[in-house]
Protein backbone atom coordinates (compact mmCIF):
# COMPACT_ATOMS: atom_id res chain seq x y z
CA UNK A 1 -25.15 27.89 -15.49
CA UNK A 2 -21.85 29.71 -14.95
CA UNK A 3 -18.59 27.80 -14.59
CA UNK A 4 -18.32 28.77 -10.92
CA UNK A 5 -21.82 27.42 -10.24
CA UNK A 6 -20.92 24.19 -12.02
CA UNK A 7 -17.85 23.93 -9.80
CA UNK A 8 -19.88 24.38 -6.64
CA UNK A 9 -22.60 22.05 -7.87
CA UNK A 10 -20.08 19.28 -8.45
CA UNK A 11 -18.74 19.42 -4.92
CA UNK A 12 -22.22 19.45 -3.49
CA UNK A 13 -22.81 15.98 -4.91
CA UNK A 14 -19.26 14.55 -5.28
CA UNK A 15 -19.17 11.96 -2.48
CA UNK A 16 -22.83 11.12 -2.74
CA UNK A 17 -23.87 7.87 -4.38
CA UNK A 18 -26.16 8.42 -7.33
CA UNK A 19 -26.28 4.68 -7.97
CA UNK A 20 -25.59 2.05 -5.36
CA UNK A 21 -23.06 -0.74 -5.74
CA UNK A 22 -24.30 -3.89 -7.37
CA UNK A 23 -27.60 -2.43 -8.51
CA UNK A 24 -28.06 -3.90 -11.98
CA UNK A 25 -31.76 -3.13 -12.30
CA UNK A 26 -31.19 0.20 -14.03
CA UNK A 27 -31.21 -0.17 -17.80
CA UNK A 28 -29.58 1.98 -20.47
CA UNK A 29 -29.58 5.57 -19.21
CA UNK A 30 -30.47 8.39 -21.60
CA UNK A 31 -27.65 10.92 -21.85
CA UNK A 32 -28.09 14.32 -20.25
CA UNK A 33 -25.27 15.99 -22.21
CA UNK A 34 -25.99 18.10 -25.27
CA UNK A 35 -25.04 16.70 -28.66
CA UNK A 36 -21.79 18.03 -30.20
CA UNK A 37 -20.95 20.08 -27.10
CA UNK A 38 -17.51 19.64 -25.56
CA UNK A 39 -17.24 19.01 -21.83
CA UNK A 40 -14.08 19.28 -19.76
CA UNK A 41 -13.35 16.83 -16.97
CA UNK A 42 -10.12 16.66 -14.99
CA UNK A 43 -9.19 13.62 -12.90
CA UNK A 44 -6.79 14.47 -10.08
CA UNK A 45 -5.22 11.52 -8.32
CA UNK A 46 -2.71 10.11 -5.82
CA UNK A 47 -1.87 6.61 -4.63
CA UNK A 48 0.11 4.66 -2.03
CA UNK A 49 0.04 7.39 0.61
CA UNK A 50 1.43 5.09 3.33
CA UNK A 51 1.02 7.41 6.29
CA UNK A 52 2.82 10.45 4.85
CA UNK A 53 0.45 13.08 6.24
CA UNK A 54 3.36 15.28 7.34
CA UNK A 55 6.14 16.73 5.19
CA UNK A 56 9.51 14.97 5.37
CA UNK A 57 12.61 16.47 6.94
CA UNK A 58 13.49 18.18 3.66
CA UNK A 59 10.10 19.89 3.47
CA UNK A 60 8.85 17.66 0.67
CA UNK A 61 5.23 16.56 0.02
CA UNK A 62 2.79 16.39 2.99
CA UNK A 63 -0.98 16.92 3.01
CA UNK A 64 -0.85 20.64 3.86
CA UNK A 65 0.98 21.51 0.64
CA UNK A 66 -1.18 19.03 -1.27
CA UNK A 67 -4.31 20.87 -0.12
CA UNK A 68 -3.00 24.21 -1.38
CA UNK A 69 -2.16 22.63 -4.73
CA UNK A 70 -5.50 20.86 -5.15
CA UNK A 71 -7.50 23.93 -4.07
CA UNK A 72 -5.67 25.98 -6.71
CA UNK A 73 -6.16 23.32 -9.38
CA UNK A 74 -9.88 23.07 -8.69
CA UNK A 75 -10.28 26.82 -8.96
CA UNK A 76 -8.31 26.93 -12.19
CA UNK A 77 -10.33 24.06 -13.68
CA UNK A 78 -13.64 25.61 -12.67
CA UNK A 79 -12.76 29.01 -14.08
CA UNK A 80 -11.96 27.30 -17.39
CA UNK A 81 -15.43 25.79 -17.49
CA UNK A 82 -14.41 22.32 -16.34
CA UNK A 83 -15.08 20.03 -13.41
CA UNK A 84 -12.92 17.59 -11.50
CA UNK A 85 -12.81 14.37 -9.52
CA UNK A 86 -10.16 13.57 -6.93
CA UNK A 87 -9.36 9.85 -6.60
CA UNK A 88 -6.91 7.67 -4.68
CA UNK A 89 -5.42 4.34 -5.71
CA UNK A 90 -5.39 3.16 -2.08
CA UNK A 91 -2.86 2.00 0.51
CA UNK A 92 -3.35 4.90 2.90
CA UNK A 93 -2.16 2.71 5.76
CA UNK A 94 1.24 1.56 6.99
CA UNK A 95 4.55 3.26 6.55
CA UNK A 96 5.14 6.09 9.01
CA UNK A 97 5.00 5.37 12.76
CA UNK A 98 3.27 8.67 13.64
CA UNK A 99 0.41 7.53 11.43
CA UNK A 100 0.52 3.84 12.27
CA UNK A 101 0.28 4.43 16.01
CA UNK A 102 -2.90 6.45 15.45
CA UNK A 103 -4.63 4.10 12.97
CA UNK A 104 -4.04 6.65 10.15
CA UNK A 105 -6.63 8.97 11.70
CA UNK A 106 -4.75 12.13 10.62
CA UNK A 107 -4.39 10.77 7.09
CA UNK A 108 -8.06 9.98 6.56
CA UNK A 109 -9.19 13.22 8.21
CA UNK A 110 -6.76 15.03 5.94
CA UNK A 111 -8.26 13.31 2.91
CA UNK A 112 -11.68 14.42 4.14
CA UNK A 113 -10.44 18.03 4.18
CA UNK A 114 -9.02 17.53 0.70
CA UNK A 115 -12.49 16.34 -0.41
CA UNK A 116 -11.46 13.13 -2.12
CA UNK A 117 -14.33 11.68 -4.08
CA UNK A 118 -13.41 7.99 -3.77
CA UNK A 119 -10.54 5.59 -3.25
CA UNK A 120 -9.70 2.00 -4.06
CA UNK A 121 -9.17 -0.40 -1.19
CA UNK A 122 -5.48 -1.29 -1.07
CA UNK A 123 -4.01 -4.44 0.40
CA UNK A 124 -2.55 -2.42 3.31
CA UNK A 125 -6.04 -1.35 4.31
CA UNK A 126 -6.18 -4.91 5.71
CA UNK A 127 -3.20 -4.40 8.03
CA UNK A 128 -5.78 -3.38 10.64
CA UNK A 129 -8.91 -4.96 12.03
CA UNK A 130 -12.29 -4.63 10.33
CA UNK A 131 -13.41 -2.28 13.11
CA UNK A 132 -10.48 0.06 12.42
CA UNK A 133 -11.14 -0.04 8.67
CA UNK A 134 -14.80 0.90 9.17
CA UNK A 135 -13.75 3.73 11.48
CA UNK A 136 -11.30 4.96 8.85
CA UNK A 137 -14.11 5.18 6.30
CA UNK A 138 -16.10 7.28 8.76
CA UNK A 139 -13.13 9.63 9.24
CA UNK A 140 -12.74 9.86 5.48
CA UNK A 141 -16.36 10.56 4.68
CA UNK A 142 -16.04 9.39 1.07
CA UNK A 143 -16.57 5.98 -0.56
CA UNK A 144 -14.06 3.14 -0.25
CA UNK A 145 -14.49 1.12 -3.44
CA UNK A 146 -13.71 -2.47 -4.38
CA UNK A 147 -15.90 -4.64 -6.56
CA UNK A 148 -13.87 -7.80 -5.89
CA UNK A 149 -13.47 -7.78 -2.08
CA UNK A 150 -16.52 -9.78 -1.07
CA UNK A 151 -18.14 -10.36 2.32
CA UNK A 152 -18.65 -14.12 2.29
CA UNK A 153 -21.63 -13.95 4.66
CA UNK A 154 -23.66 -11.53 2.53
CA UNK A 155 -22.18 -12.26 -0.89
CA UNK A 156 -21.88 -8.50 -1.47
CA UNK A 157 -18.82 -6.28 -1.71
CA UNK A 158 -17.43 -5.32 1.70
CA UNK A 159 -17.75 -1.68 0.68
CA UNK A 160 -19.34 -0.27 -2.46
CA UNK A 161 -18.27 -1.70 -5.81
CA UNK A 162 -18.75 1.63 -7.58
CA UNK A 163 -20.30 5.07 -7.43
CA UNK A 164 -21.72 7.18 -10.23
CA UNK A 165 -21.01 10.90 -10.19
CA UNK A 166 -22.89 13.43 -12.27
CA UNK A 167 -20.32 16.04 -13.27
CA UNK A 168 -21.19 18.85 -15.72
CA UNK A 169 -23.93 16.73 -17.33
CA UNK A 170 -21.52 13.80 -17.69
CA UNK A 171 -22.20 10.62 -15.77
CA UNK A 172 -18.94 9.10 -14.52
CA UNK A 173 -18.92 5.61 -13.04
CA UNK A 174 -15.98 5.13 -10.68
CA UNK A 175 -15.39 1.46 -9.87
CA UNK A 176 -12.79 0.01 -7.51
CA UNK A 177 -10.62 -3.09 -7.84
CA UNK A 178 -8.11 -4.55 -5.37
CA UNK A 179 -5.20 -6.85 -6.19
CA UNK A 180 -6.07 -10.48 -5.62
CA UNK A 181 -2.60 -10.76 -4.05
CA UNK A 182 -4.29 -9.22 -1.01
CA UNK A 183 -5.21 -12.70 0.12
CA UNK A 184 -1.52 -13.41 0.74
CA UNK A 185 -0.29 -9.84 1.42
CA UNK A 186 -3.00 -8.81 3.87
CA UNK A 187 -3.14 -10.05 7.45
CA UNK A 188 -5.04 -13.37 7.28
CA UNK A 189 -6.64 -12.66 10.66
CA UNK A 190 -8.26 -9.51 9.26
CA UNK A 191 -9.21 -11.16 5.96
CA UNK A 192 -11.29 -13.83 7.66
CA UNK A 193 -14.78 -13.93 6.17
CA UNK A 194 -13.69 -12.22 2.96
CA UNK A 195 -13.21 -13.52 -0.57
CA UNK A 196 -10.87 -11.68 -2.93
CA UNK A 197 -12.18 -12.42 -6.41
CA UNK A 198 -10.09 -11.98 -9.53
CA UNK A 199 -10.56 -8.38 -10.77
CA UNK A 200 -10.78 -9.43 -14.43
CA UNK A 201 -13.52 -11.95 -13.62
CA UNK A 202 -15.59 -9.36 -11.76
CA UNK A 203 -14.92 -6.60 -14.28
CA UNK A 204 -15.95 -8.77 -17.23
CA UNK A 205 -19.46 -8.91 -15.79
CA UNK A 206 -19.65 -5.43 -14.25
CA UNK A 207 -18.09 -3.07 -16.81
CA UNK A 208 -20.74 -3.64 -19.54
CA UNK A 209 -23.44 -2.83 -16.97
CA UNK A 210 -21.66 0.38 -15.97
CA UNK A 211 -21.35 1.43 -19.59
CA UNK A 212 -25.14 1.33 -19.79
CA UNK A 213 -25.44 3.62 -16.77
CA UNK A 214 -22.63 6.09 -17.38
CA UNK A 215 -20.93 8.06 -20.13
CA UNK A 216 -17.47 7.39 -18.74
CA UNK A 217 -16.11 4.42 -16.77
CA UNK A 218 -13.11 5.10 -14.53
CA UNK A 219 -11.50 2.28 -12.55
CA UNK A 220 -9.59 3.31 -9.45
CA UNK A 221 -7.42 0.30 -8.74
CA UNK A 222 -4.82 -1.06 -6.39
CA UNK A 223 -3.40 -3.72 -8.69
CA UNK A 224 -0.09 -2.40 -10.02
CA UNK A 225 1.19 -1.26 -13.39
CA UNK A 226 3.49 -3.83 -15.00
CA UNK A 227 5.01 -2.87 -18.33
CA UNK A 228 3.46 -4.75 -21.23
CA UNK A 229 1.52 -6.84 -18.74
CA UNK A 230 4.62 -8.67 -17.49
CA UNK A 231 3.54 -9.06 -13.88
CA UNK A 232 5.97 -11.89 -13.01
CA UNK A 233 5.26 -13.36 -9.58
CA UNK A 234 2.65 -10.70 -8.80
CA UNK A 235 -1.07 -10.89 -9.47
CA UNK A 236 -2.14 -9.43 -12.82
CA UNK A 237 -2.28 -5.63 -12.85
CA UNK A 238 -3.82 -2.72 -14.71
CA UNK A 239 -2.43 -3.59 -18.14
CA UNK A 240 -3.95 -7.06 -17.96
CA UNK A 241 -7.25 -5.60 -16.78
CA UNK A 242 -7.38 -3.12 -19.66
CA UNK A 243 -6.46 -5.72 -22.25
CA UNK A 244 -8.93 -8.27 -20.91
CA UNK A 245 -11.96 -6.06 -20.34
CA UNK A 246 -13.02 -3.49 -22.98
CA UNK A 247 -15.06 -0.46 -21.97
CA UNK A 248 -12.85 1.05 -19.24
CA UNK A 249 -11.98 4.61 -20.25
CA UNK A 250 -9.41 5.39 -17.55
CA UNK A 251 -7.56 3.39 -14.90
CA UNK A 252 -6.25 5.38 -11.93
CA UNK A 253 -3.80 2.94 -10.42
CA UNK A 254 -1.64 2.16 -7.43
CA UNK A 255 0.21 -0.67 -5.65
CA UNK A 256 3.38 -0.89 -7.80
CA UNK A 257 4.21 2.75 -6.96
CA UNK A 258 5.23 3.64 -10.50
CA UNK A 259 5.91 7.15 -11.73
CA UNK A 260 4.07 7.14 -15.07
CA UNK A 261 5.11 10.32 -16.87
CA UNK A 262 2.40 9.77 -19.47
CA UNK A 263 -0.66 7.53 -19.68
CA UNK A 264 -0.08 3.97 -20.85
CA UNK A 265 -2.83 3.40 -23.40
CA UNK A 266 -3.97 -0.20 -23.60
CA UNK A 267 -7.01 -1.39 -25.56
CA UNK A 268 -8.41 2.16 -25.58
CA UNK A 269 -7.88 2.60 -21.82
CA UNK A 270 -5.67 5.36 -20.39
CA UNK A 271 -3.68 4.03 -17.40
CA UNK A 272 -2.16 6.53 -14.96
CA UNK A 273 -0.29 6.29 -11.65
CA UNK A 274 1.39 8.94 -9.48
CA UNK A 275 4.22 7.02 -7.80
CA UNK A 276 3.76 7.20 -4.00
CA UNK A 277 3.41 9.17 -0.73
CA UNK A 278 1.75 12.22 -2.30
CA UNK A 279 5.03 13.15 -3.96
CA UNK A 280 2.99 13.98 -7.04
CA UNK A 281 -0.59 14.85 -7.87
CA UNK A 282 -1.57 13.41 -11.23
CA UNK A 283 -3.66 15.61 -13.49
CA UNK A 284 -5.52 14.06 -16.43
CA UNK A 285 -7.47 16.64 -18.47
CA UNK A 286 -10.16 15.12 -20.67
CA UNK A 287 -12.37 16.66 -23.34
CA UNK A 288 -15.59 14.68 -23.83
CA UNK A 289 -17.93 15.04 -26.77
CA UNK A 290 -21.03 12.97 -27.48
CA UNK A 291 -20.09 10.66 -24.63
CA UNK A 292 -16.57 9.92 -25.87
CA UNK A 293 -13.10 11.18 -24.92
CA UNK A 294 -11.89 13.20 -27.89
CA UNK A 295 -8.64 14.52 -26.40
CA UNK A 296 -6.54 14.24 -23.25
CA UNK A 297 -3.55 15.86 -21.61
CA UNK A 298 -1.55 14.60 -18.63
CA UNK A 299 1.14 15.64 -16.20
CA UNK A 300 2.49 14.75 -12.79
CA UNK A 301 2.75 17.80 -10.54
CA UNK A 302 5.51 17.53 -7.88
CA UNK A 303 4.50 18.52 -4.35
CA UNK A 304 7.52 20.48 -3.11
CA UNK A 305 9.95 17.83 -4.33
CA UNK A 306 13.57 18.89 -4.38
CA UNK A 307 16.78 17.94 -6.14
CA UNK A 308 20.40 18.45 -5.21
CA UNK A 309 22.38 20.96 -7.28
CA UNK A 310 26.06 21.74 -7.09
CA UNK A 311 26.83 25.32 -6.04
CA UNK A 312 29.70 27.45 -7.34
CA UNK A 313 31.78 26.52 -4.29
CA UNK A 314 31.29 22.81 -4.95
CA UNK A 315 28.78 22.23 -2.15
CA UNK A 316 25.38 20.69 -2.81
CA UNK A 317 22.07 22.33 -2.03
CA UNK A 318 18.49 21.07 -2.25
CA UNK A 319 16.29 23.21 -4.48
CA UNK A 320 12.65 22.85 -5.51
CA UNK A 321 12.03 21.05 -8.80
CA UNK A 322 9.21 23.49 -9.45
CA UNK A 323 7.84 26.50 -7.58
CA UNK A 324 7.34 26.01 -3.84
CA UNK A 325 3.76 25.29 -2.77
CA UNK A 326 2.68 26.98 0.46
CA UNK A 327 1.22 24.80 3.18
CA UNK A 328 -2.47 25.24 3.91
CA UNK A 329 -2.75 26.63 7.43
CA UNK A 330 -6.07 24.97 8.19
CA UNK A 331 -4.68 21.57 7.27
CA UNK A 332 -1.54 22.22 9.31
CA UNK A 333 -3.61 23.17 12.34
CA UNK A 334 -5.58 19.93 12.09
CA UNK A 335 -2.52 17.71 11.57
CA UNK A 336 -0.08 19.30 14.02
CA UNK A 337 -1.50 17.76 17.22
CA UNK A 338 -1.28 14.30 15.64
CA UNK A 339 2.32 14.90 14.59
CA UNK A 340 3.26 16.15 18.05
CA UNK A 341 1.55 13.24 19.78
CA UNK A 342 3.29 10.78 17.52
CA UNK A 343 6.66 12.40 18.03
CA UNK A 344 6.33 12.28 21.79
CA UNK A 345 5.68 8.57 21.71
CA UNK A 346 8.38 7.75 19.20
CA UNK A 347 11.46 9.69 20.16
CA UNK A 348 12.36 7.76 23.29
CA UNK A 349 15.83 6.23 22.88
CA UNK A 350 15.90 2.43 23.19
CA UNK A 351 19.44 1.50 22.16
CA UNK A 352 22.43 1.98 19.86
CA UNK A 353 23.82 0.28 16.75
CA UNK A 354 27.35 0.82 15.46
CA UNK A 355 26.64 0.69 11.70
CA UNK A 356 23.90 0.54 9.08
CA UNK A 357 21.37 -2.29 9.34
CA UNK A 358 20.14 -3.09 5.83
CA UNK A 359 16.39 -3.35 5.30
CA UNK A 360 15.94 -1.59 1.94
CA UNK A 361 13.43 -3.61 -0.10
CA UNK A 362 15.71 -3.72 -3.16
CA UNK A 363 18.27 -5.64 -1.06
CA UNK A 364 16.47 -7.45 1.75
CA UNK A 365 14.01 -9.16 -0.60
CA UNK A 366 16.85 -10.68 -2.59
CA UNK A 367 19.57 -11.65 -0.13
CA UNK A 368 20.50 -12.24 3.49
CA UNK A 369 21.08 -8.99 5.41
CA UNK A 370 22.27 -8.06 8.87
CA UNK A 371 18.89 -6.55 9.76
CA UNK A 372 17.07 -9.70 8.63
CA UNK A 373 19.42 -11.73 10.82
CA UNK A 374 18.82 -9.41 13.78
CA UNK A 375 15.03 -9.57 13.60
CA UNK A 376 15.03 -13.36 13.22
CA UNK A 377 17.44 -13.62 16.18
CA UNK A 378 15.37 -11.30 18.40
CA UNK A 379 12.22 -13.34 17.75
CA UNK A 380 14.04 -16.63 18.31
CA UNK A 381 15.47 -15.55 21.64
CA UNK A 382 12.18 -14.06 22.87
CA UNK A 383 10.25 -17.31 22.62
CA UNK A 384 13.13 -19.70 23.32
CA UNK A 385 13.12 -21.09 19.80
CA UNK A 386 15.84 -22.97 17.93
CA UNK A 387 15.26 -21.15 14.64
CA UNK A 388 14.06 -17.65 13.78
CA UNK A 389 12.46 -16.95 10.40
CA UNK A 390 11.40 -13.53 9.09
CA UNK A 391 9.63 -12.73 5.82
CA UNK A 392 11.47 -9.88 4.10
CA UNK A 393 8.23 -8.15 3.11
CA UNK A 394 7.75 -7.34 6.79
CA UNK A 395 11.05 -5.42 6.87
CA UNK A 396 10.22 -1.95 5.60
CA UNK A 397 13.32 0.23 5.92
CA UNK A 398 17.00 0.51 6.78
CA UNK A 399 18.08 1.32 10.34
CA UNK A 400 20.77 3.97 10.41
CA UNK A 401 23.88 3.78 12.61
CA UNK A 402 23.67 5.53 15.98
CA UNK A 403 20.89 6.02 18.48
CA UNK A 404 17.88 3.74 18.02
CA UNK A 405 14.42 5.04 18.93
CA UNK A 406 11.00 3.46 19.00
CA UNK A 407 10.34 5.38 15.79
CA UNK A 408 13.29 3.87 13.96
CA UNK A 409 12.15 0.39 15.01
CA UNK A 410 8.58 1.02 13.85
CA UNK A 411 9.80 2.25 10.48
CA UNK A 412 11.37 -1.18 10.07
CA UNK A 413 8.48 -3.22 11.53
CA UNK A 414 5.22 -1.21 11.29
CA UNK A 415 2.63 -4.00 11.08
CA UNK A 416 2.10 -4.91 14.74
CA UNK A 417 2.32 -8.67 14.21
CA UNK A 418 2.74 -11.01 17.16
CA UNK A 419 5.79 -13.23 17.62
CA UNK A 420 4.63 -16.85 17.46
CA UNK A 421 6.24 -20.26 17.66
CA UNK A 422 5.56 -23.86 16.76
CA UNK A 423 7.41 -27.07 17.67
CA UNK A 424 8.00 -29.31 14.64
CA UNK A 425 9.23 -32.84 14.09
CA UNK A 426 12.20 -33.36 11.78
CA UNK A 427 9.88 -34.28 8.91
CA UNK A 428 7.70 -31.22 9.55
CA UNK A 429 10.73 -28.96 9.86
CA UNK A 430 12.15 -30.26 6.60
CA UNK A 431 8.87 -29.59 4.83
CA UNK A 432 8.61 -26.11 6.36
CA UNK A 433 12.17 -25.09 5.45
CA UNK A 434 11.63 -26.49 1.97
CA UNK A 435 8.56 -24.32 1.54
CA UNK A 436 10.01 -21.06 2.86
CA UNK A 437 13.55 -21.62 1.61
CA UNK A 438 12.18 -21.87 -1.91
CA UNK A 439 10.42 -18.50 -1.85
CA UNK A 440 11.30 -16.36 -4.84
CA UNK A 441 14.08 -13.80 -4.47
CA UNK A 442 12.65 -10.33 -5.11
CA UNK A 443 9.37 -11.10 -3.37
CA UNK A 444 8.24 -10.17 0.12
CA UNK A 445 8.11 -13.89 0.95
CA UNK A 446 11.90 -14.22 0.65
CA UNK A 447 13.00 -15.47 4.06
CA UNK A 448 15.67 -14.33 6.51
CA UNK A 449 16.93 -16.95 9.00
CA UNK A 450 18.73 -17.27 12.32
CA UNK A 451 19.97 -20.40 14.09
CA UNK A 452 19.81 -22.74 11.10
CA UNK A 453 21.82 -23.68 8.04
CA UNK A 454 20.72 -25.75 5.06
CA UNK A 455 21.04 -26.03 1.31
CA UNK A 456 18.22 -26.05 -1.22
CA UNK A 457 18.81 -28.91 -3.65
CA UNK A 458 16.27 -29.78 -6.35
CA UNK A 459 13.61 -27.85 -4.48
CA UNK A 460 14.22 -29.53 -1.11
CA UNK A 461 15.95 -28.35 2.06
CA UNK A 462 18.97 -30.62 2.67
CA UNK A 463 21.89 -30.84 5.12
CA UNK A 464 19.86 -29.08 7.80
CA UNK A 465 21.79 -28.04 10.89
CA UNK A 466 20.47 -26.26 13.99
CA UNK A 467 22.99 -24.42 16.16
CA UNK A 468 25.66 -26.03 14.01
CA UNK A 469 24.51 -29.61 14.70
CA UNK A 470 22.71 -31.95 12.27
CA UNK A 471 19.05 -32.38 13.12
CA UNK A 472 18.09 -35.59 14.94
CA UNK A 473 15.05 -37.67 14.16
CA UNK A 474 14.05 -38.12 17.80
CA UNK A 475 13.91 -34.39 18.56
CA UNK A 476 11.50 -31.55 17.87
CA UNK A 477 12.60 -28.07 16.91
CA UNK A 478 10.93 -24.80 17.73
CA UNK A 479 10.69 -22.11 15.06
CA UNK A 480 9.88 -18.46 15.79
CA UNK A 481 7.82 -16.63 13.19
CA UNK A 482 5.40 -13.73 13.16
CA UNK A 483 1.65 -14.21 13.36
CA UNK A 484 1.21 -12.97 9.78
CA UNK A 485 3.13 -15.83 8.18
CA UNK A 486 1.84 -18.28 10.82
CA UNK A 487 -1.67 -17.79 9.42
CA UNK A 488 -0.45 -18.35 5.86
CA UNK A 489 0.59 -14.82 4.93
CA UNK A 490 3.03 -14.43 2.02
CA UNK A 491 2.18 -17.98 1.03
CA UNK A 492 3.95 -19.57 4.01
CA UNK A 493 2.61 -22.88 5.36
CA UNK A 494 -0.24 -22.23 7.76
CA UNK A 495 0.66 -23.49 11.24
CA UNK A 496 -1.97 -21.89 13.46
CA UNK A 497 -3.89 -25.18 13.52
CA UNK A 498 -0.83 -27.14 14.61
CA UNK A 499 -1.16 -28.68 18.07
CA UNK A 500 2.15 -27.10 19.13
CA UNK A 501 1.43 -23.60 17.82
CA UNK A 502 1.67 -20.71 20.28
CA UNK A 503 1.01 -17.01 19.80
CA UNK A 504 3.24 -15.33 22.38
CA UNK A 505 1.24 -12.10 22.48
CA UNK A 506 4.43 -10.08 22.09
CA UNK A 507 4.33 -7.45 19.31
CA UNK A 508 7.25 -7.88 16.90
CA UNK A 509 8.38 -4.25 17.12
CA UNK A 510 8.32 -4.40 20.92
CA UNK A 511 10.46 -7.55 20.81
CA UNK A 512 13.04 -5.73 18.69
CA UNK A 513 12.93 -2.72 21.03
CA UNK A 514 13.53 -5.06 23.98
CA UNK A 515 16.48 -6.63 22.17
CA UNK A 516 18.08 -3.22 21.69
CA UNK A 517 17.48 -2.29 25.31
CA UNK A 518 19.14 -5.49 26.54
CA UNK A 519 21.97 -5.80 24.01
CA UNK A 520 23.13 -2.29 23.12
CA UNK A 521 25.45 -1.38 21.70
CA UNK A 522 24.45 -3.80 18.93
CA UNK A 523 27.51 -4.63 16.84
CA UNK A 524 26.77 -5.30 13.18
CA UNK A 525 29.82 -7.54 12.70
CA UNK A 526 28.03 -10.14 14.84
CA UNK A 527 25.07 -10.05 12.43
CA UNK A 528 26.91 -10.07 9.12
CA UNK A 529 25.53 -12.33 6.36
CA UNK A 530 27.15 -15.75 6.60
CA UNK A 531 25.61 -17.65 3.71
CA UNK A 532 24.29 -20.27 6.14
CA UNK A 533 21.33 -20.86 3.84
CA UNK A 534 22.24 -21.76 0.28
CA UNK A 535 19.47 -21.21 -2.24
């Protein structure tokens, strides 16, 4: 068979399951490769797309340029006698309003045009309802994989655990794993009826079975790459998986959004990750002989990324890091109506702010910021609460000085949570503030507050004051929070069962938009960090 025919043959079967998830009845499979012959397999991959179907304002990345690149790579690989798989490490959802408002329809349809072979379920796939997630899989037309996200009612994986692809006489098992932090990062409402098992536990049982069925085992994961396995307050990631479970040849990762310039080899497993947003396409070239990887080569290919260079006159100009990649016109034609529709809905002006509101994750997850104060205040005022509390993980971007649009608000709060409230006794309030005030700096659970001051002493909230006055034992106090943390998200105390709990039905982003409409110009000096909460 010629190399071109092998190339076409691969894509005729590449999204089709040759072995169904969880089917352990098949015993050791006889190889179909020829002894001592070398086979070439290239794994192309991306991760943490987060709604970036369109290029940014500097003309960087975007799915149209990615399609041109991947089409060219596939042709090159095929002409060299090889074959390829295209995988994603998950988190297609949440990040860009034009995508979020349309349930990532353009993103998944774009991935369909790119002919992805499979993707791992990311935690942000659970930012939407189950019905939306199932619809997204239909738009995609390729397998969503996770062996450890289990439907409690059936006891089976929600989607397939793995798929086996037959590529150039090599059987490749692609198995998916999702971070077990999903149980606290995903929306609890949309995780109802699901169990997130520990990936290592599931893999310990499953990987030996896959090694009997396939020549190569590739895990596409959304677990994170943590150097030397030091995962800190996160759930264990790819390094821990590789060290704990032998028999995984390659891990194509995501979640931590690392730019791995070269594979991290752990316990015989090659771990790769391509940062985020389709900025890079990872290319792992493997040579396989007698069922084993005998050599590999790796690079990250930038997708129209640019850098600033100083010109002779001292001015700075953005130039491509590598050669410009043309945008595929068919992909552009498909995506353009979605971009235009999103723009129309997002560009309406809603207010004005006089200076930068800080929501960058490197800052807002570690300290009080003016944007955190603003969001907590807007929620508090909307539901007539005494205290506003906002988890920093729900604040996704800065808000620049000047005109505020619906788009700029949605970039900050993209999740569509509802503003909720609950009335608490002094004892209950003390316990609640103790729990959330003690959340680790650097994590998404780190809390922003409005209307309250207190000091954490020996792990307990003390000297609590509301509106500047000490709390009184004979009063109750209303806190405003979003529906995500109300249901226990980010490890906050679950309050949805409390007799005084109320879901207002107001979407958090809409509440912030309303605040801007009613209070513009918003003056940042009124929102400056005050140190009211000492941790």
